[in-house]
N, C-alpha and C. Protein backbone atom coordinates (compact mmCIF):
# COMPACT_ATOMS: atom_id res chain seq x y z
N UNK A 1 72.39 6.44 -3.38
CA UNK A 1 70.91 5.77 -3.77
C UNK A 1 70.86 4.42 -4.05
N UNK A 2 71.91 4.44 -5.40
CA UNK A 2 72.66 2.71 -6.00
C UNK A 2 72.60 1.89 -4.68
N UNK A 3 73.20 2.45 -3.94
CA UNK A 3 73.72 0.92 -2.22
C UNK A 3 72.43 0.44 -1.64
N UNK A 4 71.56 1.43 -1.56
CA UNK A 4 70.06 1.19 -1.03
C UNK A 4 69.51 0.36 -1.82
N UNK A 5 69.25 0.89 -3.08
CA UNK A 5 68.21 0.12 -4.00
C UNK A 5 69.28 -1.24 -4.39
N UNK A 6 70.04 -1.56 -3.42
CA UNK A 6 71.13 -2.69 -3.79
C UNK A 6 70.50 -3.81 -2.70
N UNK A 7 70.27 -2.89 -1.72
CA UNK A 7 70.56 -3.26 -0.36
C UNK A 7 69.42 -4.04 -0.12
N UNK A 8 67.80 -2.99 -0.57
CA UNK A 8 67.07 -3.45 -0.91
C UNK A 8 66.08 -4.67 -2.05
N UNK A 9 67.27 -4.91 -3.02
CA UNK A 9 66.75 -6.12 -3.87
C UNK A 9 67.67 -7.89 -3.39
N UNK A 10 68.69 -7.00 -2.94
CA UNK A 10 69.23 -8.50 -2.11
C UNK A 10 68.49 -8.77 -1.11
N UNK A 11 67.82 -7.96 0.13
CA UNK A 11 66.77 -7.87 0.61
C UNK A 11 65.61 -8.63 0.58
N UNK A 12 65.26 -9.01 -0.62
CA UNK A 12 63.90 -9.05 -1.26
C UNK A 12 64.39 -10.77 -1.49
N UNK A 13 65.55 -11.13 -1.66
CA UNK A 13 65.42 -12.50 -2.07
C UNK A 13 65.96 -13.29 -1.18
N UNK A 14 65.91 -12.78 0.70
CA UNK A 14 66.04 -13.12 1.95
C UNK A 14 64.52 -13.31 2.64
N UNK A 15 64.03 -12.32 2.84
CA UNK A 15 62.87 -11.98 3.55
C UNK A 15 61.48 -12.60 3.38
N UNK A 16 61.73 -13.34 2.31
CA UNK A 16 59.97 -13.65 2.02
C UNK A 16 59.62 -15.24 2.57
N UNK A 17 61.66 -15.67 1.92
CA UNK A 17 61.39 -17.07 2.42
C UNK A 17 61.80 -17.09 4.03
N UNK A 18 62.69 -16.74 4.44
CA UNK A 18 62.49 -16.47 6.05
C UNK A 18 61.34 -16.53 6.90
N UNK A 19 60.18 -15.35 5.92
CA UNK A 19 59.57 -15.06 7.12
C UNK A 19 58.48 -16.80 6.31
N UNK A 20 58.27 -17.37 5.78
CA UNK A 20 57.91 -18.28 5.43
C UNK A 20 58.23 -19.24 6.38
N UNK A 21 59.36 -19.33 6.39
CA UNK A 21 60.97 -20.23 7.24
C UNK A 21 59.77 -20.25 8.57
N UNK A 22 59.70 -19.01 9.17
CA UNK A 22 59.00 -18.81 10.06
C UNK A 22 57.72 -19.37 11.12
N UNK A 23 57.22 -18.75 9.98
CA UNK A 23 56.24 -19.37 9.55
C UNK A 23 55.43 -21.14 9.98
N UNK A 24 56.67 -21.98 9.55
CA UNK A 24 56.19 -23.50 9.48
C UNK A 24 57.06 -23.94 10.05
N UNK A 25 58.27 -23.48 11.00
CA UNK A 25 59.02 -23.64 11.69
C UNK A 25 59.01 -25.36 11.92
N UNK A 26 58.86 -26.09 12.49
CA UNK A 26 58.62 -27.29 12.59
C UNK A 26 58.38 -27.80 11.55
N UNK A 27 58.23 -27.08 9.70
CA UNK A 27 58.25 -28.34 8.46
C UNK A 27 59.47 -27.90 8.25
N UNK A 28 60.13 -26.53 8.55
CA UNK A 28 61.30 -26.66 7.98
C UNK A 28 62.63 -27.10 9.35
N UNK A 29 62.47 -26.94 10.52
CA UNK A 29 63.43 -27.83 11.59
C UNK A 29 63.44 -29.53 10.77
N UNK A 30 62.55 -30.73 10.52
CA UNK A 30 61.95 -31.51 9.96
C UNK A 30 63.20 -31.87 8.50
N UNK A 31 63.00 -31.07 7.62
CA UNK A 31 62.95 -30.91 5.95
C UNK A 31 64.81 -30.45 6.71
N UNK A 32 65.20 -30.24 7.40
CA UNK A 32 66.73 -29.74 7.64
C UNK A 32 66.99 -31.68 8.88
N UNK A 33 66.61 -31.53 9.41
CA UNK A 33 66.75 -32.88 9.80
C UNK A 33 66.79 -34.42 8.79
N UNK A 34 65.77 -34.54 7.84
CA UNK A 34 65.33 -34.98 6.62
C UNK A 34 66.64 -35.50 5.76
N UNK A 35 67.40 -33.91 5.60
CA UNK A 35 68.44 -33.68 5.13
C UNK A 35 69.90 -34.34 5.26
N UNK A 36 69.61 -34.94 6.90
CA UNK A 36 70.69 -34.65 7.19
C UNK A 36 71.46 -34.16 8.52
N UNK A 37 71.08 -33.24 8.65
CA UNK A 37 72.00 -32.41 9.89
C UNK A 37 71.20 -32.56 11.06
N UNK A 38 72.69 -32.40 11.94
CA UNK A 38 72.57 -32.90 13.25
C UNK A 38 72.01 -31.50 13.69
N UNK A 39 71.50 -31.88 15.01
CA UNK A 39 70.86 -30.89 15.56
C UNK A 39 70.25 -29.64 14.86
N UNK A 40 68.64 -30.43 14.21
CA UNK A 40 68.85 -29.53 13.14
C UNK A 40 67.54 -29.04 13.60
N UNK A 41 67.10 -28.51 14.83
CA UNK A 41 66.03 -28.08 15.60
C UNK A 41 66.86 -26.30 15.91
N UNK A 42 68.32 -26.63 16.33
CA UNK A 42 69.14 -25.38 16.30
C UNK A 42 70.02 -24.89 14.94
N UNK A 43 70.11 -26.21 14.10
CA UNK A 43 70.43 -25.31 13.07
C UNK A 43 69.23 -24.18 12.35
N UNK A 44 68.05 -24.83 12.92
CA UNK A 44 66.54 -24.28 11.83
C UNK A 44 66.67 -22.57 12.81
N UNK A 45 66.88 -22.63 14.37
CA UNK A 45 66.81 -21.34 14.81
C UNK A 45 67.71 -19.80 13.84
N UNK A 46 68.57 -20.87 13.82
CA UNK A 46 70.26 -19.94 13.29
C UNK A 46 70.29 -19.53 12.61
N UNK A 47 69.54 -20.86 11.40
CA UNK A 47 69.29 -19.96 9.97
C UNK A 47 67.80 -19.13 9.69
N UNK A 48 67.13 -19.41 10.36
CA UNK A 48 65.94 -18.99 10.44
C UNK A 48 65.96 -17.12 10.45
N UNK A 49 66.63 -16.97 11.92
CA UNK A 49 66.64 -15.97 12.19
C UNK A 49 68.04 -15.16 11.25
N UNK A 50 68.75 -15.66 10.80
CA UNK A 50 69.32 -15.22 9.61
C UNK A 50 68.88 -14.79 8.93
N UNK A 51 67.85 -15.22 8.39
CA UNK A 51 67.36 -15.08 7.02
C UNK A 51 66.15 -13.68 7.48
N UNK A 52 65.74 -13.47 8.39
CA UNK A 52 64.28 -12.93 9.06
C UNK A 52 65.08 -11.61 9.14
N UNK A 53 66.37 -11.67 10.63
CA UNK A 53 66.99 -10.40 10.73
C UNK A 53 67.86 -9.34 10.04
N UNK A 54 68.36 -10.51 9.29
CA UNK A 54 70.23 -10.28 8.41
C UNK A 54 69.43 -9.28 6.74
N UNK A 55 68.09 -9.78 6.72
CA UNK A 55 67.21 -8.88 5.33
C UNK A 55 67.02 -7.53 6.47
N UNK A 56 66.95 -7.27 7.64
CA UNK A 56 65.98 -6.17 7.96
C UNK A 56 66.73 -5.61 8.28
N UNK A 57 68.35 -5.42 9.06
CA UNK A 57 69.46 -4.98 9.38
C UNK A 57 70.00 -4.13 7.65
N UNK A 58 69.87 -4.80 6.96
CA UNK A 58 70.22 -4.88 5.47
C UNK A 58 69.56 -3.83 4.88
N UNK A 59 68.40 -3.69 4.90
CA UNK A 59 67.32 -2.54 4.97
C UNK A 59 67.60 -1.47 5.29
N UNK A 60 68.05 -1.64 6.61
CA UNK A 60 67.93 -0.27 6.82
C UNK A 60 69.73 -0.15 7.03
N UNK A 61 70.73 -0.74 6.64
CA UNK A 61 71.78 -0.58 7.20
C UNK A 61 72.42 -0.49 8.16
N UNK A 62 72.05 -1.54 9.14
CA UNK A 62 73.05 -1.66 10.09
C UNK A 62 73.93 -2.40 10.57
N UNK A 63 75.17 -2.36 11.05
CA UNK A 63 75.89 -2.86 11.23
C UNK A 63 76.34 -4.10 10.29
N UNK A 64 76.85 -3.02 8.84
CA UNK A 64 77.38 -4.03 7.58
C UNK A 64 78.14 -4.81 7.16
N UNK A 65 78.91 -4.92 7.89
CA UNK A 65 80.09 -5.92 7.80
C UNK A 65 79.13 -7.33 8.53
N UNK A 66 78.62 -7.03 9.98
CA UNK A 66 78.17 -7.96 10.93
C UNK A 66 77.15 -8.84 9.84
N UNK A 67 76.88 -7.63 9.33
CA UNK A 67 74.76 -8.18 8.57
C UNK A 67 75.49 -8.76 7.06
N UNK A 68 76.54 -8.39 6.43
CA UNK A 68 77.17 -9.50 5.29
C UNK A 68 77.11 -10.34 5.45
N UNK A 69 78.72 -10.75 6.73
CA UNK A 69 79.52 -11.76 7.26
C UNK A 69 77.73 -13.04 7.41
N UNK A 70 77.30 -12.36 8.08
CA UNK A 70 75.63 -13.37 8.89
C UNK A 70 74.86 -13.83 7.13
N UNK A 71 75.01 -13.43 6.03
CA UNK A 71 73.96 -13.42 5.44
C UNK A 71 74.98 -13.94 4.26
N UNK A 72 76.18 -14.02 4.37
CA UNK A 72 76.78 -15.38 3.38
C UNK A 72 76.99 -16.31 4.29
N UNK A 73 77.42 -16.47 5.55
CA UNK A 73 77.23 -17.79 5.77
C UNK A 73 76.04 -18.27 5.93
N UNK A 74 74.42 -17.96 6.25
CA UNK A 74 73.69 -18.41 5.72
C UNK A 74 73.46 -18.94 4.69
N UNK A 75 74.11 -18.17 2.96
CA UNK A 75 74.37 -18.33 2.17
C UNK A 75 75.03 -19.45 1.67
N UNK A 76 75.82 -20.06 2.19
CA UNK A 76 77.27 -20.63 2.04
C UNK A 76 76.73 -22.36 2.58
N UNK A 77 76.01 -22.39 3.88
CA UNK A 77 75.37 -23.42 4.82
C UNK A 77 74.19 -23.99 3.58
N UNK A 78 73.06 -23.06 3.27
CA UNK A 78 72.41 -23.15 2.34
C UNK A 78 72.70 -24.17 1.29
N UNK A 79 73.73 -23.35 0.91
CA UNK A 79 74.40 -24.00 -0.40
C UNK A 79 74.64 -25.43 -0.59
N UNK A 80 75.88 -25.67 1.03
CA UNK A 80 75.82 -27.34 1.25
C UNK A 80 74.95 -27.85 1.32
N UNK A 81 74.29 -27.61 1.89
CA UNK A 81 72.85 -27.94 1.97
C UNK A 81 71.99 -28.83 1.28
N UNK A 82 72.25 -27.70 0.15
CA UNK A 82 70.82 -28.14 -0.78
C UNK A 82 72.23 -28.36 -2.15
N UNK A 83 73.04 -28.61 -1.95
CA UNK A 83 74.17 -28.74 -3.70
C UNK A 83 75.08 -29.71 -3.25
N UNK A 84 74.63 -30.31 -1.87
CA UNK A 84 76.70 -30.85 -1.79
C UNK A 84 76.50 -31.89 -2.32
N UNK A 85 75.76 -32.95 -2.94
CA UNK A 85 75.72 -34.28 -3.85
C UNK A 85 76.06 -33.74 -5.63
N UNK A 86 75.19 -32.25 -5.73
CA UNK A 86 76.04 -31.63 -6.80
C UNK A 86 76.93 -30.52 -7.04
N UNK A 87 77.67 -30.87 -5.96
CA UNK A 87 79.38 -29.67 -6.86
C UNK A 87 79.91 -30.48 -7.87
N UNK A 88 80.62 -31.93 -7.58
CA UNK A 88 81.09 -31.37 -8.78
C UNK A 88 80.49 -31.61 -10.42
N UNK A 89 78.58 -32.02 -10.20
CA UNK A 89 78.34 -31.48 -11.56
C UNK A 89 78.06 -30.21 -11.34
N UNK A 90 78.26 -29.09 -10.63
CA UNK A 90 78.32 -27.60 -11.02
C UNK A 90 78.98 -27.55 -12.00
N UNK A 91 80.44 -27.96 -11.10
CA UNK A 91 81.62 -27.54 -12.36
C UNK A 91 81.30 -27.94 -14.17
N UNK A 92 81.40 -29.13 -14.18
CA UNK A 92 80.68 -29.98 -15.32
C UNK A 92 79.81 -29.75 -15.34
N UNK A 93 79.08 -29.26 -15.76
CA UNK A 93 77.96 -29.04 -16.23
C UNK A 93 77.12 -27.82 -15.90
N UNK A 94 77.80 -26.89 -16.19
CA UNK A 94 77.32 -25.73 -15.47
C UNK A 94 75.55 -25.25 -16.15
N UNK A 95 75.40 -25.43 -17.19
CA UNK A 95 73.80 -25.10 -17.64
C UNK A 95 72.61 -25.38 -16.40
N UNK A 96 73.23 -26.99 -16.11
CA UNK A 96 71.88 -27.77 -15.38
C UNK A 96 72.25 -26.95 -14.05
N UNK A 97 73.18 -26.35 -13.98
CA UNK A 97 73.28 -25.59 -12.00
C UNK A 97 73.67 -24.39 -11.52
N UNK A 98 72.64 -23.35 -12.69
CA UNK A 98 72.05 -22.22 -12.60
C UNK A 98 72.35 -21.82 -11.35
N UNK A 99 71.10 -22.54 -10.66
CA UNK A 99 70.29 -21.86 -9.62
C UNK A 99 71.86 -21.94 -8.32
N UNK A 100 72.98 -22.77 -8.77
CA UNK A 100 73.91 -22.90 -8.05
C UNK A 100 74.66 -21.14 -7.91
N UNK A 101 75.56 -21.23 -9.65
CA UNK A 101 76.17 -20.34 -10.14
C UNK A 101 74.68 -19.15 -9.10
N UNK A 102 73.94 -18.58 -9.22
CA UNK A 102 72.89 -17.60 -8.66
C UNK A 102 73.72 -17.40 -7.55
N UNK A 103 73.46 -18.34 -6.31
CA UNK A 103 73.91 -18.59 -4.87
C UNK A 103 75.10 -18.15 -5.05
N UNK A 104 76.17 -18.52 -5.69
CA UNK A 104 77.51 -17.80 -5.75
C UNK A 104 77.12 -16.18 -5.56
N UNK A 105 76.70 -15.50 -7.15
CA UNK A 105 76.42 -14.37 -7.01
C UNK A 105 75.81 -13.38 -6.13
N UNK A 106 74.62 -14.19 -5.17
CA UNK A 106 74.03 -13.12 -4.19
C UNK A 106 75.18 -13.64 -2.81
N UNK A 107 75.83 -14.40 -3.44
CA UNK A 107 77.35 -14.00 -1.81
C UNK A 107 78.44 -13.31 -2.36
N UNK A 108 78.83 -12.97 -3.02
CA UNK A 108 79.21 -12.11 -4.48
C UNK A 108 79.00 -10.53 -3.69
N UNK A 109 77.64 -10.17 -4.01
CA UNK A 109 76.75 -9.01 -3.80
C UNK A 109 77.16 -8.52 -2.17
N UNK A 110 76.63 -9.90 -1.36
CA UNK A 110 77.16 -9.24 -0.27
C UNK A 110 78.72 -9.27 0.32
N UNK A 111 79.00 -9.68 -0.90
CA UNK A 111 80.74 -9.08 0.20
C UNK A 111 80.72 -7.66 -0.25
N UNK A 112 80.28 -7.28 -1.92
CA UNK A 112 80.16 -5.84 -2.21
C UNK A 112 79.82 -4.97 -0.96
N UNK A 113 78.91 -5.34 -0.43
CA UNK A 113 78.51 -4.59 0.16
C UNK A 113 79.30 -4.49 1.92
N UNK A 114 79.88 -5.91 2.35
CA UNK A 114 81.21 -5.89 2.93
C UNK A 114 81.66 -4.94 3.05
N UNK A 115 82.35 -4.79 1.74
CA UNK A 115 83.34 -4.26 1.72
C UNK A 115 83.06 -2.64 1.06
N UNK A 116 82.15 -1.83 0.57
CA UNK A 116 81.42 -1.06 0.68
C UNK A 116 80.63 -0.59 1.50
N UNK A 117 80.32 -0.87 2.62
CA UNK A 117 79.62 -0.03 3.58
C UNK A 117 77.72 0.24 3.30
N UNK A 118 77.19 0.56 4.25
CA UNK A 118 76.21 0.78 3.74
C UNK A 118 75.46 2.12 2.36
N UNK A 119 76.28 2.74 2.82
CA UNK A 119 75.97 4.49 1.84
C UNK A 119 75.37 5.26 2.54
N UNK A 120 74.75 6.22 2.11
CA UNK A 120 74.55 7.43 2.70
C UNK A 120 73.27 7.18 2.88
N UNK A 121 72.50 6.38 2.47
CA UNK A 121 71.02 6.48 2.74
C UNK A 121 70.70 5.03 4.02
N UNK A 122 71.20 5.62 5.17
CA UNK A 122 71.29 4.09 6.48
C UNK A 122 71.11 4.70 7.78
N UNK A 123 70.88 4.20 8.70
CA UNK A 123 70.48 4.78 9.72
C UNK A 123 71.41 5.21 10.28
N UNK A 124 72.32 5.70 9.82
CA UNK A 124 73.76 6.85 11.01
C UNK A 124 73.90 7.87 9.82
N UNK A 125 72.69 7.71 8.66
CA UNK A 125 72.79 8.36 7.51
C UNK A 125 74.05 8.61 6.92
N UNK A 126 75.07 7.14 6.61
CA UNK A 126 76.35 7.49 5.60
C UNK A 126 77.24 7.71 6.46
N UNK A 127 77.47 8.01 8.39
CA UNK A 127 78.86 8.45 8.72
C UNK A 127 79.21 6.41 9.10
N UNK A 128 80.29 6.50 9.12
CA UNK A 128 81.91 5.77 9.34
C UNK A 128 81.83 5.47 7.87
N UNK A 129 82.58 4.00 7.69
CA UNK A 129 83.01 3.86 6.63
C UNK A 129 82.10 3.84 4.97
N UNK A 130 82.18 4.45 4.49
CA UNK A 130 82.02 4.26 3.18
C UNK A 130 80.90 5.62 2.81
N UNK A 131 81.08 6.47 3.89
CA UNK A 131 80.57 7.58 3.77
C UNK A 131 81.39 9.00 3.07
N UNK A 132 80.35 9.85 2.11
CA UNK A 132 80.89 10.59 1.24
C UNK A 132 81.36 11.95 2.54
N UNK A 133 82.29 12.44 2.29
CA UNK A 133 81.77 13.46 3.42
C UNK A 133 82.21 14.33 2.57
């Protein structure tokens, strides 16, 4: 039950903003382009897909390793896009960069999901990796 709650809580971080980005897709693509990303529309498609489909797969416990890796990659890209000018500051001024460290903690939680699997409360009923027999 704890793994299910963990999956739901982590999905709650991604799904609302992913849905918002999906509904305002052109503005999101324009914002990525303004940040200097080449092929902004292609990046926007991949990032919105990861931020909408990833949490859904996370909630139901489907494809745990792929889901975790996709969401870690998404989070890493967003961390780079959002904080690339302040990465040095994150080391020397940790209190001013709490969001940076929270994002790293989310990535850590997703890596725990990668290692532990979805648990018994998943779409396959806990069969496979991480299942209790």
